[in-house]
Amino acid sequence: MTIAGSAAIHPSAVIEPGAVIGPDCRIGPFCVVGGEVALGRAVELKSHAIVTGQTEIGDETEVFPFSTLGEVPQDLKFKGEKTRLIIGKRNRIREGVTMNTGTEGGGGVTRIGDDGLFMTGCHVAHDCQIGNRVILVNNVALAGHCVLEDEVIVGGLSGVHQFVRIGRGAMIGAVTMVTADVIPHGLVQGPRGTLDGLNVVGLKRRGAGRADIAALRDLIGELGKGTFRETARVRAEAGTDSELVREVLDFILGPSDRSFLTPR
């Protein structure tokens, strides 16, 4: 066990032998920290948080009460192999969030980027790969092997099917079931989600100009007229001056055998 001298640990907390507690960490009442856990600098575990398994938590991340991080996957194929959960820096993980370690068949690591917000009751399943500045609103459930690129927002009570990819800057509306890949900067909503245009608000916040937004709108119009991947391939071969259009085309033509959510 390694506990930095500047760490503050409540007397009722349980720190198992082997844990690494970084400088300026704060561990509240009735927390449990497992023997294979490593906490970076100034991590705060509020009361009743549980961190177990082979789990790393980056600097300045806050974990709120009753969250459970690093428990074994909810996957019947899991047979106790050593797998990991890696959480980046400055995340806010609110009450009742669960994040599982990976599985051997899925690469062995569930990975969370930096500066994310995971609101009350969210679940991140085994082998998910989550980018930076991602927001999961209350009670979002991500199934195993999902990939969420940077700056994705998923609305409350939404579910994402296993192996689905959601591209950078996409927004998923509340109470939506996402069953197929979502292009970067797409806007998806509905009980069975369909591509309903662009996340224009998010694009403007990130500084996208009118020309790029117009080019993306034109691209979505083209994609809605034919076979999604074949239309994207033809469009990519024709070339484009828009980096955002190129990003979407690269995503569509990337390494995935799943279908895509398409325009209405």
C-alpha atoms as a PDB file:
ATOM      1  CA  MET A   1       0.000   0.000   0.000  1.00  0.00           C
ATOM      2  CA  THR A   2       1.251   3.487  -0.910  1.00  0.00           C
ATOM      3  CA  ILE A   3      -0.536   6.479   0.544  1.00  0.00           C
ATOM      4  CA  ALA A   4       0.814   9.977  -0.075  1.00  0.00           C
ATOM      5  CA  GLY A   5       1.333  12.009   3.060  1.00  0.00           C
ATOM      6  CA  SER A   6      -0.967  14.788   1.868  1.00  0.00           C
ATOM      7  CA  ALA A   7      -3.936  12.435   1.287  1.00  0.00           C
ATOM      8  CA  ALA A   8      -6.933  12.824   3.612  1.00  0.00           C
ATOM      9  CA  ILE A   9      -8.730   9.552   4.393  1.00  0.00           C
ATOM     10  CA  HIS A  10     -11.773   9.257   6.620  1.00  0.00           C
ATOM     11  CA  PRO A  11     -11.304   6.736   9.440  1.00  0.00           C
ATOM     12  CA  SER A  12     -14.285   4.668   8.255  1.00  0.00           C
ATOM     13  CA  ALA A  13     -12.901   4.186   4.733  1.00  0.00           C
ATOM     14  CA  VAL A  14     -11.391   0.817   3.797  1.00  0.00           C
ATOM     15  CA  ILE A  15      -8.122   0.946   1.841  1.00  0.00           C
ATOM     16  CA  GLU A  16      -7.010  -2.558   0.894  1.00  0.00           C
ATOM     17  CA  PRO A  17      -3.315  -3.514   0.871  1.00  0.00           C
ATOM     18  CA  GLY A  18      -1.684  -2.732  -2.468  1.00  0.00           C
ATOM     19  CA  ALA A  19      -3.704   0.381  -3.285  1.00  0.00           C
ATOM     20  CA  VAL A  20      -1.877   3.521  -4.436  1.00  0.00           C
ATOM     21  CA  ILE A  21      -3.321   6.803  -3.148  1.00  0.00           C
ATOM     22  CA  GLY A  22      -1.803   9.906  -4.755  1.00  0.00           C
ATOM     23  CA  PRO A  23      -1.034  13.290  -3.180  1.00  0.00           C
ATOM     24  CA  ASP A  24      -3.914  15.514  -2.083  1.00  0.00           C
ATOM     25  CA  CYS A  25      -6.521  12.756  -2.522  1.00  0.00           C
ATOM     26  CA  ARG A  26      -9.621  12.960  -0.359  1.00  0.00           C
ATOM     27  CA  ILE A  27     -11.440   9.747   0.538  1.00  0.00           C
ATOM     28  CA  GLY A  28     -14.729  10.157   2.353  1.00  0.00           C
ATOM     29  CA  PRO A  29     -16.679   8.083   4.871  1.00  0.00           C
ATOM     30  CA  PHE A  30     -17.390   4.407   4.130  1.00  0.00           C
ATOM     31  CA  CYS A  31     -15.517   4.341   0.830  1.00  0.00           C
ATOM     32  CA  VAL A  32     -13.803   1.124  -0.313  1.00  0.00           C
ATOM     33  CA  VAL A  33     -10.618   1.203  -2.386  1.00  0.00           C
ATOM     34  CA  GLY A  34      -9.385  -2.151  -3.681  1.00  0.00           C
ATOM     35  CA  GLY A  35      -5.842  -3.457  -3.591  1.00  0.00           C
ATOM     36  CA  GLU A  36      -5.214  -3.001  -7.342  1.00  0.00           C
ATOM     37  CA  VAL A  37      -6.511   0.570  -7.531  1.00  0.00           C
ATOM     38  CA  ALA A  38      -4.310   3.585  -8.306  1.00  0.00           C
ATOM     39  CA  LEU A  39      -5.624   7.093  -7.657  1.00  0.00           C
ATOM     40  CA  GLY A  40      -3.814  10.072  -9.210  1.00  0.00           C
ATOM     41  CA  ARG A  41      -3.305  13.488  -7.667  1.00  0.00           C
ATOM     42  CA  ALA A  42      -6.241  15.211  -5.938  1.00  0.00           C
ATOM     43  CA  VAL A  43      -8.806  12.507  -6.710  1.00  0.00           C
ATOM     44  CA  GLU A  44     -11.850  12.844  -4.471  1.00  0.00           C
ATOM     45  CA  LEU A  45     -14.054   9.926  -3.479  1.00  0.00           C
ATOM     46  CA  LYS A  46     -17.134  11.149  -1.693  1.00  0.00           C
ATOM     47  CA  SER A  47     -18.914   8.972   0.857  1.00  0.00           C
ATOM     48  CA  HIS A  48     -19.803   5.354   0.020  1.00  0.00           C
ATOM     49  CA  ALA A  49     -17.945   5.270  -3.309  1.00  0.00           C
ATOM     50  CA  ILE A  50     -16.436   1.914  -4.274  1.00  0.00           C
ATOM     51  CA  VAL A  51     -13.387   1.597  -6.525  1.00  0.00           C
ATOM     52  CA  THR A  52     -12.204  -1.932  -7.103  1.00  0.00           C
ATOM     53  CA  GLY A  53     -10.524  -4.154  -9.683  1.00  0.00           C
ATOM     54  CA  GLN A  54      -7.478  -3.118 -11.682  1.00  0.00           C
ATOM     55  CA  THR A  55      -8.585   0.501 -11.911  1.00  0.00           C
ATOM     56  CA  GLU A  56      -6.692   3.746 -12.506  1.00  0.00           C
ATOM     57  CA  ILE A  57      -8.277   7.145 -11.909  1.00  0.00           C
ATOM     58  CA  GLY A  58      -6.605  10.293 -13.251  1.00  0.00           C
ATOM     59  CA  ASP A  59      -5.836  13.541 -11.461  1.00  0.00           C
ATOM     60  CA  GLU A  60      -8.610  15.738 -10.047  1.00  0.00           C
ATOM     61  CA  THR A  61     -11.438  13.344 -10.859  1.00  0.00           C
ATOM     62  CA  GLU A  62     -14.436  13.497  -8.491  1.00  0.00           C
ATOM     63  CA  VAL A  63     -16.426  10.365  -7.688  1.00  0.00           C
ATOM     64  CA  PHE A  64     -19.767  10.955  -5.987  1.00  0.00           C
ATOM     65  CA  PRO A  65     -21.599   8.752  -3.453  1.00  0.00           C
ATOM     66  CA  PHE A  66     -22.659   5.191  -4.272  1.00  0.00           C
ATOM     67  CA  SER A  67     -20.741   4.954  -7.539  1.00  0.00           C
ATOM     68  CA  THR A  68     -19.075   1.605  -8.244  1.00  0.00           C
ATOM     69  CA  LEU A  69     -16.033   1.670 -10.510  1.00  0.00           C
ATOM     70  CA  GLY A  70     -13.999  -1.323 -11.658  1.00  0.00           C
ATOM     71  CA  GLU A  71     -16.337  -4.182 -10.884  1.00  0.00           C
ATOM     72  CA  VAL A  72     -16.308  -7.211 -13.176  1.00  0.00           C
ATOM     73  CA  PRO A  73     -18.205  -7.087 -16.488  1.00  0.00           C
ATOM     74  CA  GLN A  74     -21.855  -8.048 -16.831  1.00  0.00           C
ATOM     75  CA  ASP A  75     -20.873 -10.531 -19.514  1.00  0.00           C
ATOM     76  CA  LEU A  76     -21.435 -14.291 -19.201  1.00  0.00           C
ATOM     77  CA  LYS A  77     -18.267 -14.892 -21.234  1.00  0.00           C
ATOM     78  CA  PHE A  78     -16.158 -13.281 -18.526  1.00  0.00           C
ATOM     79  CA  LYS A  79     -14.247 -15.949 -16.617  1.00  0.00           C
ATOM     80  CA  GLY A  80     -12.298 -13.888 -14.114  1.00  0.00           C
ATOM     81  CA  GLU A  81      -9.394 -12.835 -16.357  1.00  0.00           C
ATOM     82  CA  LYS A  82      -7.382  -9.769 -15.309  1.00  0.00           C
ATOM     83  CA  THR A  83      -8.774  -6.746 -17.124  1.00  0.00           C
ATOM     84  CA  ARG A  84      -8.681  -3.015 -16.483  1.00  0.00           C
ATOM     85  CA  LEU A  85     -10.618   0.239 -16.161  1.00  0.00           C
ATOM     86  CA  ILE A  86      -8.669   3.415 -16.964  1.00  0.00           C
ATOM     87  CA  ILE A  87     -10.315   6.757 -16.172  1.00  0.00           C
ATOM     88  CA  GLY A  88      -8.676  10.010 -17.265  1.00  0.00           C
ATOM     89  CA  LYS A  89      -8.299  13.379 -15.588  1.00  0.00           C
ATOM     90  CA  ARG A  90     -10.842  15.879 -14.269  1.00  0.00           C
ATOM     91  CA  ASN A  91     -13.906  13.701 -14.746  1.00  0.00           C
ATOM     92  CA  ARG A  92     -17.037  14.188 -12.668  1.00  0.00           C
ATOM     93  CA  ILE A  93     -18.679  10.870 -11.927  1.00  0.00           C
ATOM     94  CA  ARG A  94     -21.986  11.483 -10.202  1.00  0.00           C
ATOM     95  CA  GLU A  95     -24.099   9.435  -7.824  1.00  0.00           C
ATOM     96  CA  GLY A  96     -24.748   5.789  -8.607  1.00  0.00           C
ATOM     97  CA  VAL A  97     -22.613   5.554 -11.755  1.00  0.00           C
ATOM     98  CA  THR A  98     -21.212   2.130 -12.663  1.00  0.00           C
ATOM     99  CA  MET A  99     -18.196   1.480 -14.890  1.00  0.00           C
ATOM    100  CA  ASN A 100     -16.934  -2.060 -15.508  1.00  0.00           C
ATOM    101  CA  THR A 101     -13.526  -3.396 -16.448  1.00  0.00           C
ATOM    102  CA  GLY A 102     -12.922  -4.908 -19.887  1.00  0.00           C
ATOM    103  CA  THR A 103     -13.024  -8.477 -21.118  1.00  0.00           C
ATOM    104  CA  GLU A 104     -10.275 -10.536 -22.685  1.00  0.00           C
ATOM    105  CA  GLY A 105     -12.243 -10.852 -25.927  1.00  0.00           C
ATOM    106  CA  GLY A 106     -12.804  -7.086 -26.129  1.00  0.00           C
ATOM    107  CA  GLY A 107      -9.223  -5.963 -25.644  1.00  0.00           C
ATOM    108  CA  GLY A 108      -9.130  -6.062 -21.858  1.00  0.00           C
ATOM    109  CA  VAL A 109      -9.546  -2.340 -21.148  1.00  0.00           C
ATOM    110  CA  THR A 110     -12.501  -0.037 -20.587  1.00  0.00           C
ATOM    111  CA  ARG A 111     -11.152   3.468 -21.147  1.00  0.00           C
ATOM    112  CA  ILE A 112     -12.551   6.882 -20.209  1.00  0.00           C
ATOM    113  CA  GLY A 113     -10.928  10.109 -21.486  1.00  0.00           C
ATOM    114  CA  ASP A 114     -10.519  13.464 -19.747  1.00  0.00           C
ATOM    115  CA  ASP A 115     -12.987  16.150 -18.632  1.00  0.00           C
ATOM    116  CA  GLY A 116     -16.125  14.025 -18.904  1.00  0.00           C
ATOM    117  CA  LEU A 117     -19.390  14.393 -17.016  1.00  0.00           C
ATOM    118  CA  PHE A 118     -21.224  11.180 -16.127  1.00  0.00           C
ATOM    119  CA  MET A 119     -24.501  12.099 -14.473  1.00  0.00           C
ATOM    120  CA  THR A 120     -26.480  10.141 -11.927  1.00  0.00           C
ATOM    121  CA  GLY A 121     -27.164   6.487 -12.667  1.00  0.00           C
ATOM    122  CA  CYS A 122     -25.123   6.103 -15.867  1.00  0.00           C
ATOM    123  CA  HIS A 123     -23.646   2.736 -16.830  1.00  0.00           C
ATOM    124  CA  VAL A 124     -20.491   2.229 -18.908  1.00  0.00           C
ATOM    125  CA  ALA A 125     -20.130  -1.446 -19.799  1.00  0.00           C
ATOM    126  CA  HIS A 126     -17.060  -3.541 -20.512  1.00  0.00           C
ATOM    127  CA  ASP A 127     -14.588  -2.559 -23.235  1.00  0.00           C
ATOM    128  CA  CYS A 128     -16.188   0.814 -23.976  1.00  0.00           C
ATOM    129  CA  GLN A 129     -13.824   3.468 -25.308  1.00  0.00           C
ATOM    130  CA  ILE A 130     -14.939   6.964 -24.295  1.00  0.00           C
ATOM    131  CA  GLY A 131     -13.219  10.123 -25.576  1.00  0.00           C
ATOM    132  CA  ASN A 132     -12.633  13.514 -23.981  1.00  0.00           C
ATOM    133  CA  ARG A 133     -15.315  15.989 -22.876  1.00  0.00           C
ATOM    134  CA  VAL A 134     -18.105  13.438 -23.223  1.00  0.00           C
ATOM    135  CA  ILE A 135     -21.374  14.008 -21.365  1.00  0.00           C
ATOM    136  CA  LEU A 136     -23.709  11.174 -20.405  1.00  0.00           C
ATOM    137  CA  VAL A 137     -26.908  12.578 -18.924  1.00  0.00           C
ATOM    138  CA  ASN A 138     -28.850  10.839 -16.143  1.00  0.00           C
ATOM    139  CA  ASN A 139     -29.408   7.081 -16.522  1.00  0.00           C
ATOM    140  CA  VAL A 140     -27.699   6.622 -19.886  1.00  0.00           C
ATOM    141  CA  ALA A 141     -26.685   2.990 -20.498  1.00  0.00           C
ATOM    142  CA  LEU A 142     -23.796   2.083 -22.804  1.00  0.00           C
ATOM    143  CA  ALA A 143     -23.561  -1.589 -23.736  1.00  0.00           C
ATOM    144  CA  GLY A 144     -20.249  -3.374 -24.215  1.00  0.00           C
ATOM    145  CA  HIS A 145     -17.633  -2.387 -26.801  1.00  0.00           C
ATOM    146  CA  CYS A 146     -19.178   1.010 -27.630  1.00  0.00           C
ATOM    147  CA  VAL A 147     -16.938   3.800 -28.926  1.00  0.00           C
ATOM    148  CA  LEU A 148     -17.842   7.415 -28.164  1.00  0.00           C
ATOM    149  CA  GLU A 149     -15.474   9.939 -29.712  1.00  0.00           C
ATOM    150  CA  ASP A 150     -14.670  13.365 -28.219  1.00  0.00           C
ATOM    151  CA  GLU A 151     -17.441  15.806 -27.277  1.00  0.00           C
ATOM    152  CA  VAL A 152     -20.353  13.404 -27.672  1.00  0.00           C
ATOM    153  CA  ILE A 153     -23.487  14.176 -25.628  1.00  0.00           C
ATOM    154  CA  VAL A 154     -26.015  11.428 -24.867  1.00  0.00           C
ATOM    155  CA  GLY A 155     -29.384  12.569 -23.501  1.00  0.00           C
ATOM    156  CA  GLY A 156     -31.038  11.185 -20.390  1.00  0.00           C
ATOM    157  CA  LEU A 157     -32.566   7.686 -20.292  1.00  0.00           C
ATOM    158  CA  SER A 158     -30.980   6.758 -23.628  1.00  0.00           C
ATOM    159  CA  GLY A 159     -29.437   3.382 -24.444  1.00  0.00           C
ATOM    160  CA  VAL A 160     -26.628   2.536 -26.848  1.00  0.00           C
ATOM    161  CA  HIS A 161     -26.395  -0.961 -28.389  1.00  0.00           C
ATOM    162  CA  GLN A 162     -23.178  -2.958 -28.087  1.00  0.00           C
ATOM    163  CA  PHE A 163     -20.412  -2.257 -30.630  1.00  0.00           C
ATOM    164  CA  VAL A 164     -22.005   1.026 -31.752  1.00  0.00           C
ATOM    165  CA  ARG A 165     -19.673   3.915 -32.652  1.00  0.00           C
ATOM    166  CA  ILE A 166     -20.745   7.519 -32.092  1.00  0.00           C
ATOM    167  CA  GLY A 167     -18.616  10.073 -33.945  1.00  0.00           C
ATOM    168  CA  ARG A 168     -17.092  13.246 -32.562  1.00  0.00           C
ATOM    169  CA  GLY A 169     -19.483  16.003 -31.594  1.00  0.00           C
ATOM    170  CA  ALA A 170     -22.662  13.980 -32.142  1.00  0.00           C
ATOM    171  CA  MET A 171     -25.698  14.551 -29.939  1.00  0.00           C
ATOM    172  CA  ILE A 172     -28.210  11.891 -28.925  1.00  0.00           C
ATOM    173  CA  GLY A 173     -31.579  13.177 -27.720  1.00  0.00           C
ATOM    174  CA  ALA A 174     -33.246  11.985 -24.529  1.00  0.00           C
ATOM    175  CA  VAL A 175     -35.055   8.619 -24.367  1.00  0.00           C
ATOM    176  CA  THR A 176     -33.427   7.346 -27.562  1.00  0.00           C
ATOM    177  CA  MET A 177     -32.338   3.819 -28.405  1.00  0.00           C
ATOM    178  CA  VAL A 178     -29.210   3.929 -30.584  1.00  0.00           C
ATOM    179  CA  THR A 179     -28.869   0.691 -32.548  1.00  0.00           C
ATOM    180  CA  ALA A 180     -26.404   1.694 -35.285  1.00  0.00           C
ATOM    181  CA  ASP A 181     -23.375   3.936 -35.802  1.00  0.00           C
ATOM    182  CA  VAL A 182     -23.822   7.721 -35.655  1.00  0.00           C
ATOM    183  CA  ILE A 183     -21.783   9.996 -37.929  1.00  0.00           C
ATOM    184  CA  PRO A 184     -19.673  12.801 -36.393  1.00  0.00           C
ATOM    185  CA  HIS A 185     -21.715  15.912 -35.550  1.00  0.00           C
ATOM    186  CA  GLY A 186     -24.983  14.067 -36.206  1.00  0.00           C
ATOM    187  CA  LEU A 187     -28.190  14.702 -34.270  1.00  0.00           C
ATOM    188  CA  VAL A 188     -30.147  11.557 -33.354  1.00  0.00           C
ATOM    189  CA  GLN A 189     -33.475  11.380 -31.552  1.00  0.00           C
ATOM    190  CA  GLY A 190     -36.595   9.271 -31.254  1.00  0.00           C
ATOM    191  CA  PRO A 191     -37.610   6.040 -29.481  1.00  0.00           C
ATOM    192  CA  ARG A 192     -35.744   4.146 -32.209  1.00  0.00           C
ATOM    193  CA  GLY A 193     -33.181   6.733 -33.173  1.00  0.00           C
ATOM    194  CA  THR A 194     -32.845   8.099 -36.719  1.00  0.00           C
ATOM    195  CA  LEU A 195     -30.403  10.669 -38.018  1.00  0.00           C
ATOM    196  CA  ASP A 196     -32.314  13.923 -37.738  1.00  0.00           C
ATOM    197  CA  GLY A 197     -29.817  16.403 -39.120  1.00  0.00           C
ATOM    198  CA  LEU A 198     -26.758  17.971 -37.493  1.00  0.00           C
ATOM    199  CA  ASN A 199     -25.796  18.994 -33.985  1.00  0.00           C
ATOM    200  CA  VAL A 200     -25.657  22.614 -35.187  1.00  0.00           C
ATOM    201  CA  VAL A 201     -25.444  24.083 -31.685  1.00  0.00           C
ATOM    202  CA  GLY A 202     -22.412  21.933 -30.897  1.00  0.00           C
ATOM    203  CA  LEU A 203     -20.757  22.774 -34.219  1.00  0.00           C
ATOM    204  CA  LYS A 204     -21.162  26.503 -33.621  1.00  0.00           C
ATOM    205  CA  ARG A 205     -19.795  26.185 -30.082  1.00  0.00           C
ATOM    206  CA  ARG A 206     -16.695  24.525 -31.515  1.00  0.00           C
ATOM    207  CA  GLY A 207     -16.216  27.328 -34.027  1.00  0.00           C
ATOM    208  CA  ALA A 208     -17.462  25.679 -37.232  1.00  0.00           C
ATOM    209  CA  GLY A 209     -18.131  28.226 -39.978  1.00  0.00           C
ATOM    210  CA  ARG A 210     -21.258  28.556 -42.110  1.00  0.00           C
ATOM    211  CA  ALA A 211     -19.540  27.033 -45.131  1.00  0.00           C
ATOM    212  CA  ASP A 212     -18.591  23.871 -43.233  1.00  0.00           C
ATOM    213  CA  ILE A 213     -22.075  23.508 -41.738  1.00  0.00           C
ATOM    214  CA  ALA A 214     -23.648  23.996 -45.170  1.00  0.00           C
ATOM    215  CA  ALA A 215     -21.270  21.395 -46.646  1.00  0.00           C
ATOM    216  CA  LEU A 216     -22.233  18.906 -43.941  1.00  0.00           C
ATOM    217  CA  ARG A 217     -25.936  19.521 -44.605  1.00  0.00           C
ATOM    218  CA  ASP A 218     -25.387  18.902 -48.302  1.00  0.00           C
ATOM    219  CA  LEU A 219     -23.526  15.681 -47.493  1.00  0.00           C
ATOM    220  CA  ILE A 220     -26.375  14.375 -45.332  1.00  0.00           C
ATOM    221  CA  GLY A 221     -28.779  15.140 -48.165  1.00  0.00           C
ATOM    222  CA  GLU A 222     -26.619  13.099 -50.545  1.00  0.00           C
ATOM    223  CA  LEU A 223     -26.267  10.216 -48.093  1.00  0.00           C
ATOM    224  CA  GLY A 224     -30.025   9.997 -47.733  1.00  0.00           C
ATOM    225  CA  LYS A 225     -30.535   9.338 -51.458  1.00  0.00           C
ATOM    226  CA  GLY A 226     -28.617   6.080 -51.920  1.00  0.00           C
ATOM    227  CA  THR A 227     -26.698   3.278 -50.286  1.00  0.00           C
ATOM    228  CA  PHE A 228     -24.978   4.922 -47.337  1.00  0.00           C
ATOM    229  CA  ARG A 229     -21.453   3.493 -47.609  1.00  0.00           C
ATOM    230  CA  GLU A 230     -21.355   3.456 -51.407  1.00  0.00           C
ATOM    231  CA  THR A 231     -22.499   7.086 -51.577  1.00  0.00           C
ATOM    232  CA  ALA A 232     -19.823   8.001 -49.032  1.00  0.00           C
ATOM    233  CA  ARG A 233     -17.152   6.152 -51.034  1.00  0.00           C
ATOM    234  CA  VAL A 234     -18.059   7.994 -54.240  1.00  0.00           C
ATOM    235  CA  ARG A 235     -18.161  11.313 -52.395  1.00  0.00           C
ATOM    236  CA  ALA A 236     -14.748  10.660 -50.805  1.00  0.00           C
ATOM    237  CA  GLU A 237     -13.218   9.835 -54.181  1.00  0.00           C
ATOM    238  CA  ALA A 238     -14.533  13.130 -55.539  1.00  0.00           C
ATOM    239  CA  GLY A 239     -12.659  15.011 -52.804  1.00  0.00           C
ATOM    240  CA  THR A 240     -13.681  17.885 -50.548  1.00  0.00           C
ATOM    241  CA  ASP A 241     -12.243  21.126 -49.179  1.00  0.00           C
ATOM    242  CA  SER A 242     -14.126  20.736 -45.880  1.00  0.00           C
ATOM    243  CA  GLU A 243     -12.287  19.064 -43.010  1.00  0.00           C
ATOM    244  CA  LEU A 244     -15.602  18.306 -41.305  1.00  0.00           C
ATOM    245  CA  VAL A 245     -16.991  16.592 -44.414  1.00  0.00           C
ATOM    246  CA  ARG A 246     -13.770  14.584 -44.681  1.00  0.00           C
ATOM    247  CA  GLU A 247     -14.097  13.593 -41.010  1.00  0.00           C
ATOM    248  CA  VAL A 248     -17.621  12.261 -41.561  1.00  0.00           C
ATOM    249  CA  LEU A 249     -16.628  10.368 -44.725  1.00  0.00           C
ATOM    250  CA  ASP A 250     -13.616   8.811 -42.991  1.00  0.00           C
ATOM    251  CA  PHE A 251     -15.882   7.722 -40.133  1.00  0.00           C
ATOM    252  CA  ILE A 252     -18.399   6.094 -42.482  1.00  0.00           C
ATOM    253  CA  LEU A 253     -15.681   4.284 -44.410  1.00  0.00           C
ATOM    254  CA  GLY A 254     -13.824   3.269 -41.248  1.00  0.00           C
ATOM    255  CA  PRO A 255     -13.355  -0.194 -39.726  1.00  0.00           C
ATOM    256  CA  SER A 256     -16.874  -1.251 -38.734  1.00  0.00           C
ATOM    257  CA  ASP A 257     -19.325  -3.807 -40.033  1.00  0.00           C
ATOM    258  CA  ARG A 258     -22.330  -2.192 -38.369  1.00  0.00           C
ATOM    259  CA  SER A 259     -24.995  -0.261 -40.194  1.00  0.00           C
ATOM    260  CA  PHE A 260     -25.577   3.466 -39.710  1.00  0.00           C
ATOM    261  CA  LEU A 261     -28.455   5.552 -38.502  1.00  0.00           C
ATOM    262  CA  THR A 262     -29.635   7.282 -41.670  1.00  0.00           C
ATOM    263  CA  PRO A 263     -31.722  10.378 -42.412  1.00  0.00           C
ATOM    264  CA  ARG A 264     -35.491  10.093 -42.318  1.00  0.00           C
END
